[in-house]
C-alpha cells in the first residue's frame, strides 16, 4: 500500500499544485465538477491563521506535500523550528526547493504512522489534505496526538464521505484506484468522535466534502 501511494504521487507531482490551488483551468474545472467548488486555498488560509505571526516554538507539517499551501507562512516564521515530512520523495523535493535557504526548516522523508519525534516534542502539528491518504488513519491520529505538547494544537483538513455523491464516487473509485486516496474514509460524525476522544477542545467546520479543524490537546 505504501509503495502504491508513493508511485501515485510520483506520477502526479507535476500537476498537483495546479489542481490543488486551482491555478489552471483544469484545476478549477476539476474542483467545481467533483468537489463542489471547494477552495483549498481558503481552507489553508483559515487554518494557518491560528498560528501567530510572531510564533516561537516547534511545528510539524505532515504531509508537507509540495508545501504549496504552507511555504509562504513557514518562510516568515524565522523564530520557529519547523519539521516538514512526506512519504513521497518527489513531493518532498519540491517542498525543499520552495523552502531552500531557511535554516529554521528541516525537510525529511518519513511516515506519519511512525514519527521520529519524542512525545510532546511539538507545539503545533499541521496536516493539509493528509488523512484521506494515510493507510492507517487511527495510527496517524495517535502519532500526531502523541508528539504534541499538552496545550498544543493540531490543524488539519481532509476529505470526508457522506457529503456529496459525486465526491464520494470519485474518492471511492478513481482516486482510490490510483493510490491517491486510501480507504476507509471518515464521515463528519466519525471525525468528531475521534477528536473528542483525543483532544480537550475542537473547533470543527465543513466545506462541501472537506472537513477542517483546530484541536487543542
N, C-alpha and C. Protein backbone atom coordinates (compact mmCIF):
# COMPACT_ATOMS: atom_id res chain seq x y z
N UNK A 1 0.82 -1.20 0.00
CA UNK A 1 0.00 0.00 0.00
C UNK A 1 0.86 1.26 0.00
N UNK A 2 1.90 1.29 0.83
CA UNK A 2 2.76 2.47 0.90
C UNK A 2 3.46 2.73 -0.43
N UNK A 3 3.93 1.67 -1.08
CA UNK A 3 4.59 1.83 -2.38
C UNK A 3 3.62 2.35 -3.43
N UNK A 4 2.35 1.91 -3.36
CA UNK A 4 1.34 2.37 -4.30
C UNK A 4 1.11 3.86 -4.14
N UNK A 5 1.06 4.31 -2.91
CA UNK A 5 0.87 5.74 -2.64
C UNK A 5 2.06 6.54 -3.17
N UNK A 6 3.27 6.03 -2.90
CA UNK A 6 4.47 6.72 -3.35
C UNK A 6 4.49 6.86 -4.87
N UNK A 7 4.17 5.78 -5.58
CA UNK A 7 4.17 5.80 -7.04
C UNK A 7 3.08 6.72 -7.58
N UNK A 8 1.92 6.72 -6.90
CA UNK A 8 0.81 7.57 -7.35
C UNK A 8 1.19 9.04 -7.30
N UNK A 9 1.82 9.46 -6.21
CA UNK A 9 2.17 10.87 -6.08
C UNK A 9 3.41 11.22 -6.90
N UNK A 10 4.22 10.23 -7.21
CA UNK A 10 5.35 10.46 -8.11
C UNK A 10 4.85 10.84 -9.49
N UNK A 11 3.77 10.18 -9.92
CA UNK A 11 3.26 10.40 -11.27
C UNK A 11 2.40 11.66 -11.39
N UNK A 12 1.97 12.23 -10.27
CA UNK A 12 1.09 13.40 -10.32
C UNK A 12 1.72 14.67 -9.78
N UNK A 13 2.97 14.60 -9.35
CA UNK A 13 3.62 15.76 -8.74
C UNK A 13 3.59 16.98 -9.65
N UNK A 14 3.77 16.76 -10.96
CA UNK A 14 3.87 17.88 -11.90
C UNK A 14 2.56 18.66 -12.03
N UNK A 15 1.41 18.04 -11.74
CA UNK A 15 0.13 18.73 -11.88
C UNK A 15 -0.56 18.97 -10.53
N UNK A 16 0.04 18.46 -9.46
CA UNK A 16 -0.59 18.54 -8.14
C UNK A 16 -0.89 19.98 -7.74
N UNK A 17 0.08 20.86 -7.84
CA UNK A 17 -0.10 22.24 -7.40
C UNK A 17 -1.19 22.95 -8.19
N UNK A 18 -1.18 22.75 -9.51
CA UNK A 18 -2.16 23.43 -10.37
C UNK A 18 -3.59 23.01 -10.04
N UNK A 19 -3.76 21.74 -9.70
CA UNK A 19 -5.09 21.25 -9.36
C UNK A 19 -5.51 21.73 -7.97
N UNK A 20 -4.64 21.54 -6.99
CA UNK A 20 -4.99 21.85 -5.61
C UNK A 20 -5.22 23.34 -5.39
N UNK A 21 -4.43 24.17 -6.04
CA UNK A 21 -4.57 25.62 -5.86
C UNK A 21 -5.50 26.24 -6.89
N UNK A 22 -6.01 25.44 -7.82
CA UNK A 22 -6.92 25.90 -8.87
C UNK A 22 -6.30 27.02 -9.71
N UNK A 23 -5.00 26.92 -9.92
CA UNK A 23 -4.30 27.94 -10.69
C UNK A 23 -4.38 27.71 -12.19
N UNK A 24 -5.02 26.61 -12.59
CA UNK A 24 -5.20 26.32 -14.01
C UNK A 24 -6.68 26.08 -14.28
N UNK A 25 -7.07 26.17 -15.54
CA UNK A 25 -8.47 25.94 -15.91
C UNK A 25 -8.89 24.52 -15.55
N UNK A 26 -8.01 23.55 -15.81
CA UNK A 26 -8.32 22.15 -15.48
C UNK A 26 -8.51 21.98 -13.98
N UNK A 27 -7.67 22.64 -13.20
CA UNK A 27 -7.78 22.56 -11.76
C UNK A 27 -9.11 23.13 -11.27
N UNK A 28 -9.50 24.29 -11.81
CA UNK A 28 -10.76 24.91 -11.41
C UNK A 28 -11.95 24.06 -11.83
N UNK A 29 -11.86 23.48 -13.03
CA UNK A 29 -12.94 22.63 -13.53
C UNK A 29 -13.08 21.37 -12.67
N UNK A 30 -11.95 20.77 -12.33
CA UNK A 30 -11.94 19.56 -11.50
C UNK A 30 -12.58 19.83 -10.14
N UNK A 31 -12.19 20.92 -9.51
CA UNK A 31 -12.73 21.24 -8.19
C UNK A 31 -14.22 21.59 -8.27
N UNK A 32 -14.64 22.21 -9.35
CA UNK A 32 -16.05 22.57 -9.49
C UNK A 32 -16.91 21.34 -9.76
N UNK A 33 -16.46 20.47 -10.65
CA UNK A 33 -17.25 19.31 -11.05
C UNK A 33 -17.32 18.24 -9.96
N UNK A 34 -16.18 17.98 -9.33
CA UNK A 34 -16.10 16.85 -8.41
C UNK A 34 -16.13 17.23 -6.93
N UNK A 35 -15.82 18.50 -6.62
CA UNK A 35 -15.73 18.89 -5.21
C UNK A 35 -16.63 20.07 -4.87
N UNK A 36 -17.53 20.42 -5.78
CA UNK A 36 -18.49 21.48 -5.49
C UNK A 36 -17.86 22.85 -5.35
N UNK A 37 -16.68 23.03 -5.93
CA UNK A 37 -16.04 24.34 -5.88
C UNK A 37 -15.32 24.65 -4.59
N UNK A 38 -15.06 23.64 -3.76
CA UNK A 38 -14.30 23.85 -2.52
C UNK A 38 -12.96 24.49 -2.84
N UNK A 39 -12.58 25.49 -2.07
CA UNK A 39 -11.33 26.20 -2.30
C UNK A 39 -10.33 25.85 -1.20
N UNK A 40 -9.37 24.99 -1.52
CA UNK A 40 -8.35 24.59 -0.55
C UNK A 40 -7.49 25.76 -0.12
N UNK A 41 -7.35 26.77 -0.97
CA UNK A 41 -6.57 27.95 -0.60
C UNK A 41 -7.21 28.66 0.59
N UNK A 42 -8.54 28.80 0.56
CA UNK A 42 -9.25 29.46 1.65
C UNK A 42 -9.18 28.65 2.93
N UNK A 43 -9.32 27.32 2.81
CA UNK A 43 -9.25 26.46 3.99
C UNK A 43 -7.86 26.54 4.62
N UNK A 44 -6.82 26.47 3.78
CA UNK A 44 -5.45 26.57 4.29
C UNK A 44 -5.22 27.90 4.99
N UNK A 45 -5.74 28.97 4.40
CA UNK A 45 -5.57 30.30 4.99
C UNK A 45 -6.23 30.38 6.37
N UNK A 46 -7.42 29.79 6.51
CA UNK A 46 -8.13 29.80 7.79
C UNK A 46 -7.36 29.01 8.84
N UNK A 47 -6.80 27.86 8.46
CA UNK A 47 -6.06 27.05 9.41
C UNK A 47 -4.76 27.72 9.84
N UNK A 48 -4.03 28.26 8.88
CA UNK A 48 -2.75 28.88 9.19
C UNK A 48 -2.91 30.16 10.01
N UNK A 49 -4.11 30.74 9.97
CA UNK A 49 -4.37 31.95 10.76
C UNK A 49 -4.32 31.66 12.26
N UNK A 50 -4.42 30.38 12.64
CA UNK A 50 -4.31 30.02 14.06
C UNK A 50 -2.87 30.16 14.57
N UNK A 51 -1.91 30.27 13.66
CA UNK A 51 -0.50 30.38 14.06
C UNK A 51 -0.09 31.85 14.02
N UNK A 52 0.26 32.43 15.15
CA UNK A 52 0.62 33.86 15.20
C UNK A 52 1.83 34.18 14.32
N UNK A 53 1.88 35.42 13.86
CA UNK A 53 2.99 35.85 13.01
C UNK A 53 4.32 35.84 13.76
N UNK A 54 4.26 35.99 15.09
CA UNK A 54 5.47 36.00 15.90
C UNK A 54 5.65 34.67 16.65
N UNK A 55 5.11 33.60 16.10
CA UNK A 55 5.14 32.30 16.77
C UNK A 55 6.57 31.85 17.06
N UNK A 56 6.78 31.38 18.29
CA UNK A 56 8.06 30.80 18.70
C UNK A 56 7.76 29.41 19.25
N UNK A 57 8.36 28.39 18.66
CA UNK A 57 8.10 27.02 19.10
C UNK A 57 8.36 26.04 17.98
N UNK A 58 7.86 24.83 18.15
CA UNK A 58 8.09 23.76 17.17
C UNK A 58 6.82 23.45 16.41
N UNK A 59 6.98 23.23 15.09
CA UNK A 59 5.86 22.90 14.21
C UNK A 59 6.22 21.67 13.39
N UNK A 60 5.29 20.75 13.28
CA UNK A 60 5.42 19.60 12.39
C UNK A 60 4.39 19.75 11.27
N UNK A 61 4.84 19.70 10.03
CA UNK A 61 3.97 19.75 8.85
C UNK A 61 4.01 18.37 8.20
N UNK A 62 2.90 17.61 8.30
CA UNK A 62 2.87 16.24 7.80
C UNK A 62 1.48 15.90 7.25
N UNK A 63 1.36 15.57 5.97
CA UNK A 63 2.43 15.55 4.98
C UNK A 63 2.62 16.94 4.40
N UNK A 64 3.85 17.32 4.18
CA UNK A 64 4.12 18.65 3.65
C UNK A 64 3.73 18.74 2.18
N UNK A 65 3.69 17.59 1.47
CA UNK A 65 3.42 17.63 0.04
C UNK A 65 4.48 18.45 -0.67
N UNK A 66 4.05 19.35 -1.53
CA UNK A 66 4.99 20.25 -2.21
C UNK A 66 5.15 21.56 -1.44
N UNK A 67 4.51 21.64 -0.27
CA UNK A 67 4.50 22.85 0.57
C UNK A 67 3.78 24.01 -0.10
N UNK A 68 2.94 23.70 -1.08
CA UNK A 68 2.29 24.77 -1.84
C UNK A 68 1.38 25.62 -0.97
N UNK A 69 0.78 25.03 0.08
CA UNK A 69 -0.12 25.79 0.95
C UNK A 69 0.59 26.42 2.14
N UNK A 70 1.76 25.92 2.47
CA UNK A 70 2.40 26.35 3.72
C UNK A 70 3.71 27.11 3.56
N UNK A 71 4.36 27.04 2.42
CA UNK A 71 5.73 27.56 2.32
C UNK A 71 5.83 29.05 2.62
N UNK A 72 4.85 29.84 2.19
CA UNK A 72 4.93 31.28 2.43
C UNK A 72 4.87 31.58 3.93
N UNK A 73 3.99 30.86 4.64
CA UNK A 73 3.87 31.04 6.09
C UNK A 73 5.14 30.57 6.78
N UNK A 74 5.61 29.39 6.40
CA UNK A 74 6.79 28.82 7.07
C UNK A 74 8.02 29.70 6.90
N UNK A 75 8.18 30.30 5.74
CA UNK A 75 9.37 31.13 5.49
C UNK A 75 9.39 32.37 6.40
N UNK A 76 8.21 32.83 6.82
CA UNK A 76 8.16 34.04 7.65
C UNK A 76 8.38 33.75 9.14
N UNK A 77 8.23 32.48 9.55
CA UNK A 77 8.32 32.14 10.97
C UNK A 77 9.76 31.80 11.36
N UNK A 78 10.64 32.78 11.27
CA UNK A 78 12.07 32.54 11.46
C UNK A 78 12.44 32.21 12.90
N UNK A 79 11.53 32.49 13.85
CA UNK A 79 11.82 32.17 15.25
C UNK A 79 11.29 30.79 15.64
N UNK A 80 10.65 30.12 14.71
CA UNK A 80 10.12 28.78 14.97
C UNK A 80 11.11 27.72 14.48
N UNK A 81 10.91 26.49 14.92
CA UNK A 81 11.66 25.35 14.40
C UNK A 81 10.63 24.44 13.73
N UNK A 82 10.74 24.29 12.41
CA UNK A 82 9.70 23.63 11.62
C UNK A 82 10.26 22.36 10.97
N UNK A 83 9.51 21.28 11.10
CA UNK A 83 9.88 19.99 10.51
C UNK A 83 8.82 19.61 9.48
N UNK A 84 9.26 19.38 8.25
CA UNK A 84 8.36 19.04 7.15
C UNK A 84 8.62 17.60 6.72
N UNK A 85 7.59 16.77 6.80
CA UNK A 85 7.73 15.34 6.50
C UNK A 85 6.76 14.94 5.40
N UNK A 86 7.24 14.10 4.49
CA UNK A 86 6.36 13.49 3.50
C UNK A 86 6.91 12.12 3.14
N UNK A 87 6.01 11.20 2.78
CA UNK A 87 6.44 9.86 2.39
C UNK A 87 6.99 9.85 0.97
N UNK A 88 6.50 10.78 0.13
CA UNK A 88 6.91 10.84 -1.27
C UNK A 88 8.17 11.70 -1.43
N UNK A 89 9.25 11.10 -1.92
CA UNK A 89 10.49 11.85 -2.13
C UNK A 89 10.29 12.94 -3.18
N UNK A 90 9.43 12.70 -4.17
CA UNK A 90 9.21 13.68 -5.23
C UNK A 90 8.49 14.91 -4.70
N UNK A 91 7.49 14.68 -3.85
CA UNK A 91 6.80 15.81 -3.23
C UNK A 91 7.77 16.58 -2.34
N UNK A 92 8.54 15.86 -1.57
CA UNK A 92 9.48 16.47 -0.64
C UNK A 92 10.52 17.31 -1.37
N UNK A 93 10.95 16.86 -2.53
CA UNK A 93 11.93 17.61 -3.31
C UNK A 93 11.39 18.98 -3.69
N UNK A 94 10.13 19.03 -4.11
CA UNK A 94 9.54 20.32 -4.45
C UNK A 94 9.41 21.21 -3.21
N UNK A 95 9.06 20.59 -2.08
CA UNK A 95 8.97 21.36 -0.84
C UNK A 95 10.32 21.94 -0.47
N UNK A 96 11.37 21.15 -0.59
CA UNK A 96 12.73 21.61 -0.27
C UNK A 96 13.13 22.78 -1.16
N UNK A 97 12.75 22.74 -2.42
CA UNK A 97 13.07 23.83 -3.33
C UNK A 97 12.36 25.11 -2.91
N UNK A 98 11.13 24.99 -2.49
CA UNK A 98 10.37 26.16 -2.05
C UNK A 98 10.91 26.73 -0.74
N UNK A 99 11.44 25.87 0.09
CA UNK A 99 11.90 26.28 1.43
C UNK A 99 13.40 26.44 1.52
N UNK A 100 14.05 26.40 0.38
CA UNK A 100 15.52 26.49 0.33
C UNK A 100 16.01 27.78 0.98
N UNK A 101 17.06 27.64 1.78
CA UNK A 101 17.67 28.80 2.41
C UNK A 101 17.09 29.14 3.77
N UNK A 102 16.11 28.39 4.23
CA UNK A 102 15.50 28.65 5.54
C UNK A 102 16.14 27.73 6.58
N UNK A 103 17.02 28.27 7.39
CA UNK A 103 17.76 27.47 8.35
C UNK A 103 16.87 26.92 9.46
N UNK A 104 15.70 27.53 9.66
CA UNK A 104 14.80 27.08 10.73
C UNK A 104 13.88 25.95 10.29
N UNK A 105 14.02 25.49 9.04
CA UNK A 105 13.14 24.45 8.49
C UNK A 105 13.94 23.21 8.11
N UNK A 106 13.46 22.06 8.54
CA UNK A 106 14.09 20.78 8.21
C UNK A 106 13.09 19.92 7.44
N UNK A 107 13.48 19.45 6.26
CA UNK A 107 12.64 18.56 5.46
C UNK A 107 13.19 17.15 5.54
N UNK A 108 12.30 16.18 5.71
CA UNK A 108 12.75 14.79 5.80
C UNK A 108 11.68 13.84 5.30
N UNK A 109 12.15 12.73 4.72
CA UNK A 109 11.24 11.68 4.29
C UNK A 109 10.84 10.86 5.50
N UNK A 110 9.54 10.56 5.64
CA UNK A 110 9.11 9.81 6.81
C UNK A 110 7.66 9.39 6.72
N UNK A 111 7.24 8.65 7.74
CA UNK A 111 5.91 8.05 7.79
C UNK A 111 5.14 8.61 8.99
N UNK A 112 3.94 9.13 8.75
CA UNK A 112 3.14 9.68 9.83
C UNK A 112 2.77 8.63 10.87
N UNK A 113 2.79 7.36 10.48
CA UNK A 113 2.47 6.29 11.41
C UNK A 113 3.61 5.94 12.34
N UNK A 114 4.78 6.54 12.11
CA UNK A 114 5.96 6.26 12.94
C UNK A 114 6.84 7.50 12.96
N UNK A 115 6.37 8.53 13.61
CA UNK A 115 7.06 9.82 13.59
C UNK A 115 8.34 9.78 14.43
N UNK A 116 9.43 10.35 13.91
CA UNK A 116 10.73 10.28 14.60
C UNK A 116 10.92 11.38 15.64
N UNK A 117 9.91 11.57 16.48
CA UNK A 117 9.98 12.61 17.50
C UNK A 117 9.49 12.05 18.83
N UNK A 118 10.02 12.61 19.91
CA UNK A 118 9.61 12.20 21.24
C UNK A 118 8.20 12.71 21.54
N UNK A 119 7.55 12.07 22.49
CA UNK A 119 6.24 12.52 22.93
C UNK A 119 6.32 13.96 23.44
N UNK A 120 5.37 14.79 23.01
CA UNK A 120 5.33 16.17 23.47
C UNK A 120 6.39 17.08 22.87
N UNK A 121 6.92 16.70 21.71
CA UNK A 121 8.00 17.49 21.10
C UNK A 121 7.50 18.71 20.33
N UNK A 122 6.22 18.72 19.94
CA UNK A 122 5.71 19.75 19.05
C UNK A 122 4.68 20.66 19.71
N UNK A 123 4.77 21.94 19.38
CA UNK A 123 3.74 22.90 19.81
C UNK A 123 2.57 22.91 18.85
N UNK A 124 2.85 22.63 17.58
CA UNK A 124 1.82 22.61 16.54
C UNK A 124 2.06 21.43 15.61
N UNK A 125 0.97 20.80 15.16
CA UNK A 125 1.04 19.83 14.07
C UNK A 125 0.05 20.29 13.00
N UNK A 126 0.52 20.39 11.78
CA UNK A 126 -0.31 20.82 10.65
C UNK A 126 -0.38 19.68 9.65
N UNK A 127 -1.60 19.37 9.20
CA UNK A 127 -1.78 18.28 8.24
C UNK A 127 -2.79 18.70 7.18
N UNK A 128 -2.27 19.15 6.04
CA UNK A 128 -3.12 19.59 4.93
C UNK A 128 -3.38 18.42 3.98
N UNK A 129 -4.64 18.04 3.84
CA UNK A 129 -5.03 17.01 2.87
C UNK A 129 -4.26 15.71 3.05
N UNK A 130 -4.07 15.30 4.29
CA UNK A 130 -3.28 14.11 4.55
C UNK A 130 -4.06 12.88 4.96
N UNK A 131 -5.04 13.03 5.83
CA UNK A 131 -5.67 11.86 6.44
C UNK A 131 -6.43 10.99 5.44
N UNK A 132 -6.90 11.55 4.34
CA UNK A 132 -7.58 10.71 3.35
C UNK A 132 -6.58 9.89 2.52
N UNK A 133 -5.30 10.18 2.70
CA UNK A 133 -4.25 9.41 2.03
C UNK A 133 -3.65 8.36 2.97
N UNK A 134 -3.51 8.68 4.23
CA UNK A 134 -2.83 7.79 5.18
C UNK A 134 -3.49 6.41 5.24
N UNK A 135 -2.72 5.34 5.05
CA UNK A 135 -3.29 3.98 5.10
C UNK A 135 -3.85 3.61 6.46
N UNK A 136 -3.12 3.96 7.54
CA UNK A 136 -3.57 3.64 8.89
C UNK A 136 -3.95 4.95 9.58
N UNK A 137 -5.21 5.33 9.42
CA UNK A 137 -5.65 6.63 9.94
C UNK A 137 -5.66 6.67 11.46
N UNK A 138 -6.02 5.56 12.08
CA UNK A 138 -6.04 5.52 13.54
C UNK A 138 -4.64 5.75 14.10
N UNK A 139 -3.65 5.14 13.47
CA UNK A 139 -2.27 5.32 13.91
C UNK A 139 -1.81 6.75 13.65
N UNK A 140 -2.23 7.32 12.53
CA UNK A 140 -1.86 8.70 12.20
C UNK A 140 -2.43 9.68 13.22
N UNK A 141 -3.68 9.46 13.61
CA UNK A 141 -4.28 10.32 14.64
C UNK A 141 -3.54 10.18 15.96
N UNK A 142 -3.16 8.95 16.31
CA UNK A 142 -2.47 8.73 17.58
C UNK A 142 -1.08 9.36 17.57
N UNK A 143 -0.35 9.19 16.46
CA UNK A 143 1.01 9.71 16.39
C UNK A 143 1.04 11.24 16.40
N UNK A 144 0.14 11.87 15.66
CA UNK A 144 0.11 13.33 15.66
C UNK A 144 -0.29 13.86 17.04
N UNK A 145 -1.14 13.13 17.75
CA UNK A 145 -1.50 13.50 19.13
C UNK A 145 -0.31 13.27 20.06
N UNK A 146 0.39 12.16 19.89
CA UNK A 146 1.49 11.80 20.78
C UNK A 146 2.59 12.85 20.78
N UNK A 147 2.95 13.36 19.61
CA UNK A 147 4.08 14.29 19.54
C UNK A 147 3.72 15.71 19.95
N UNK A 148 2.42 15.98 20.18
CA UNK A 148 2.01 17.31 20.62
C UNK A 148 2.21 17.49 22.12
N UNK A 149 2.63 18.67 22.50
CA UNK A 149 2.71 19.02 23.91
C UNK A 149 1.30 19.23 24.47
N UNK A 150 1.09 19.08 25.76
CA UNK A 150 -0.18 19.48 26.37
C UNK A 150 -0.44 20.95 26.05
N UNK A 151 -1.61 21.25 25.55
CA UNK A 151 -1.93 22.61 25.13
C UNK A 151 -1.56 22.89 23.69
N UNK A 152 -0.88 21.94 23.03
CA UNK A 152 -0.52 22.10 21.63
C UNK A 152 -1.72 21.94 20.72
N UNK A 153 -1.57 22.38 19.46
CA UNK A 153 -2.69 22.36 18.51
C UNK A 153 -2.43 21.46 17.31
N UNK A 154 -3.47 20.77 16.89
CA UNK A 154 -3.50 20.06 15.60
C UNK A 154 -4.38 20.86 14.66
N UNK A 155 -3.84 21.26 13.52
CA UNK A 155 -4.58 21.98 12.48
C UNK A 155 -4.61 21.08 11.25
N UNK A 156 -5.80 20.72 10.76
CA UNK A 156 -5.86 19.75 9.68
C UNK A 156 -7.09 19.92 8.81
N UNK A 157 -7.01 19.40 7.60
CA UNK A 157 -8.16 19.33 6.70
C UNK A 157 -8.01 18.08 5.84
N UNK A 158 -9.14 17.47 5.49
CA UNK A 158 -9.13 16.31 4.60
C UNK A 158 -10.54 15.98 4.13
N UNK A 159 -10.61 15.07 3.17
CA UNK A 159 -11.88 14.63 2.60
C UNK A 159 -12.66 13.77 3.58
N UNK A 160 -13.98 13.99 3.63
CA UNK A 160 -14.88 13.12 4.38
C UNK A 160 -16.00 12.65 3.47
N UNK A 161 -16.48 11.46 3.71
CA UNK A 161 -17.56 10.90 2.90
C UNK A 161 -18.93 11.31 3.45
N UNK A 162 -19.94 11.14 2.60
CA UNK A 162 -21.31 11.38 3.03
C UNK A 162 -21.84 12.76 2.77
N UNK A 163 -21.06 13.62 2.15
CA UNK A 163 -21.50 14.99 1.88
C UNK A 163 -21.91 15.20 0.43
N UNK A 164 -21.28 14.46 -0.48
CA UNK A 164 -21.55 14.63 -1.91
C UNK A 164 -21.39 13.29 -2.61
N UNK A 165 -22.44 12.88 -3.32
CA UNK A 165 -22.39 11.61 -4.04
C UNK A 165 -21.28 11.57 -5.08
N UNK A 166 -21.09 12.65 -5.82
CA UNK A 166 -20.07 12.66 -6.87
C UNK A 166 -18.66 12.67 -6.28
N UNK A 167 -18.48 13.40 -5.16
CA UNK A 167 -17.17 13.40 -4.49
C UNK A 167 -16.86 12.01 -3.93
N UNK A 168 -17.88 11.38 -3.34
CA UNK A 168 -17.70 10.04 -2.78
C UNK A 168 -17.36 9.03 -3.88
N UNK A 169 -18.03 9.16 -5.01
CA UNK A 169 -17.75 8.26 -6.14
C UNK A 169 -16.30 8.44 -6.62
N UNK A 170 -15.88 9.68 -6.76
CA UNK A 170 -14.52 9.97 -7.22
C UNK A 170 -13.49 9.40 -6.26
N UNK A 171 -13.70 9.62 -4.96
CA UNK A 171 -12.75 9.12 -3.95
C UNK A 171 -12.74 7.60 -3.91
N UNK A 172 -13.91 6.99 -3.98
CA UNK A 172 -14.04 5.54 -3.83
C UNK A 172 -13.51 4.77 -5.03
N UNK A 173 -13.64 5.34 -6.21
CA UNK A 173 -13.26 4.63 -7.43
C UNK A 173 -11.95 5.14 -8.03
N UNK A 174 -12.00 6.29 -8.64
CA UNK A 174 -10.84 6.80 -9.39
C UNK A 174 -9.64 7.07 -8.49
N UNK A 175 -9.82 7.88 -7.45
CA UNK A 175 -8.67 8.28 -6.63
C UNK A 175 -8.12 7.13 -5.80
N UNK A 176 -8.99 6.24 -5.34
CA UNK A 176 -8.52 5.07 -4.61
C UNK A 176 -7.77 4.12 -5.52
N UNK A 177 -8.30 3.91 -6.71
CA UNK A 177 -7.66 3.01 -7.67
C UNK A 177 -6.26 3.49 -8.04
N UNK A 178 -6.08 4.80 -8.13
CA UNK A 178 -4.79 5.38 -8.50
C UNK A 178 -3.82 5.45 -7.32
N UNK A 179 -4.33 5.21 -6.10
CA UNK A 179 -3.47 5.27 -4.92
C UNK A 179 -3.34 6.66 -4.34
N UNK A 180 -4.14 7.61 -4.84
CA UNK A 180 -4.08 8.98 -4.35
C UNK A 180 -4.86 9.14 -3.05
N UNK A 181 -5.92 8.34 -2.88
CA UNK A 181 -6.68 8.28 -1.64
C UNK A 181 -6.65 6.85 -1.13
N UNK A 182 -6.82 6.67 0.19
CA UNK A 182 -6.78 5.33 0.77
C UNK A 182 -7.94 5.15 1.75
N UNK A 183 -8.86 4.24 1.45
CA UNK A 183 -9.96 3.97 2.39
C UNK A 183 -9.44 3.22 3.61
N UNK A 184 -10.22 3.14 4.69
CA UNK A 184 -11.59 3.66 4.82
C UNK A 184 -11.61 5.17 5.03
N UNK A 185 -12.73 5.77 4.65
CA UNK A 185 -12.89 7.21 4.80
C UNK A 185 -13.86 7.51 5.94
N UNK A 186 -13.63 8.63 6.61
CA UNK A 186 -14.46 9.02 7.74
C UNK A 186 -15.67 9.85 7.30
N UNK A 187 -16.73 9.78 8.09
CA UNK A 187 -17.82 10.73 8.00
C UNK A 187 -17.52 11.89 8.95
N UNK A 188 -18.29 12.95 8.87
CA UNK A 188 -18.10 14.08 9.78
C UNK A 188 -18.27 13.65 11.22
N UNK A 189 -19.30 12.83 11.48
CA UNK A 189 -19.57 12.37 12.85
C UNK A 189 -18.41 11.52 13.38
N UNK A 190 -17.85 10.69 12.52
CA UNK A 190 -16.73 9.85 12.94
C UNK A 190 -15.50 10.69 13.28
N UNK A 191 -15.27 11.74 12.52
CA UNK A 191 -14.15 12.65 12.82
C UNK A 191 -14.38 13.31 14.18
N UNK A 192 -15.60 13.79 14.39
CA UNK A 192 -15.92 14.43 15.67
C UNK A 192 -15.68 13.49 16.83
N UNK A 193 -16.06 12.22 16.66
CA UNK A 193 -15.89 11.23 17.73
C UNK A 193 -14.42 10.98 18.03
N UNK A 194 -13.62 10.81 16.99
CA UNK A 194 -12.18 10.57 17.16
C UNK A 194 -11.52 11.74 17.88
N UNK A 195 -11.82 12.95 17.44
CA UNK A 195 -11.19 14.13 18.02
C UNK A 195 -11.63 14.35 19.47
N UNK A 196 -12.89 14.06 19.77
CA UNK A 196 -13.38 14.23 21.13
C UNK A 196 -12.69 13.29 22.11
N UNK A 197 -12.27 12.12 21.61
CA UNK A 197 -11.58 11.16 22.46
C UNK A 197 -10.14 11.57 22.74
N UNK A 198 -9.55 12.36 21.85
CA UNK A 198 -8.13 12.70 21.96
C UNK A 198 -7.88 14.10 22.50
N UNK A 199 -8.76 15.05 22.17
CA UNK A 199 -8.44 16.45 22.43
C UNK A 199 -9.41 17.11 23.41
N UNK A 200 -8.87 18.07 24.15
CA UNK A 200 -9.66 18.78 25.15
C UNK A 200 -10.65 19.75 24.51
N UNK A 201 -10.26 20.29 23.35
CA UNK A 201 -11.11 21.29 22.69
C UNK A 201 -10.96 21.17 21.18
N UNK A 202 -12.07 21.28 20.45
CA UNK A 202 -12.03 21.18 19.00
C UNK A 202 -12.95 22.21 18.36
N UNK A 203 -12.43 22.92 17.38
CA UNK A 203 -13.24 23.78 16.51
C UNK A 203 -13.27 23.10 15.15
N UNK A 204 -14.44 22.60 14.73
CA UNK A 204 -14.54 21.81 13.51
C UNK A 204 -15.55 22.44 12.55
N UNK A 205 -15.18 22.46 11.27
CA UNK A 205 -16.02 23.05 10.22
C UNK A 205 -16.00 22.13 9.00
N UNK A 206 -17.02 22.27 8.16
CA UNK A 206 -17.03 21.54 6.89
C UNK A 206 -17.27 22.51 5.75
N UNK A 207 -16.71 22.16 4.60
CA UNK A 207 -16.93 22.90 3.37
C UNK A 207 -17.07 21.85 2.27
N UNK A 208 -18.31 21.60 1.86
CA UNK A 208 -18.55 20.52 0.91
C UNK A 208 -18.12 19.19 1.52
N UNK A 209 -17.26 18.48 0.80
CA UNK A 209 -16.77 17.18 1.28
C UNK A 209 -15.44 17.30 2.02
N UNK A 210 -15.10 18.50 2.46
CA UNK A 210 -13.88 18.70 3.21
C UNK A 210 -14.21 19.07 4.65
N UNK A 211 -13.46 18.51 5.58
CA UNK A 211 -13.55 18.90 6.98
C UNK A 211 -12.25 19.61 7.35
N UNK A 212 -12.35 20.65 8.16
CA UNK A 212 -11.13 21.29 8.67
C UNK A 212 -11.36 21.68 10.12
N UNK A 213 -10.28 21.61 10.89
CA UNK A 213 -10.44 21.79 12.33
C UNK A 213 -9.16 22.24 13.00
N UNK A 214 -9.35 22.83 14.19
CA UNK A 214 -8.24 23.19 15.07
C UNK A 214 -8.53 22.56 16.42
N UNK A 215 -7.63 21.69 16.86
CA UNK A 215 -7.80 20.96 18.13
C UNK A 215 -6.71 21.37 19.12
N UNK A 216 -7.09 21.43 20.38
CA UNK A 216 -6.14 21.71 21.45
C UNK A 216 -6.02 20.49 22.35
N UNK A 217 -4.79 20.04 22.57
CA UNK A 217 -4.56 18.85 23.39
C UNK A 217 -4.71 19.16 24.87
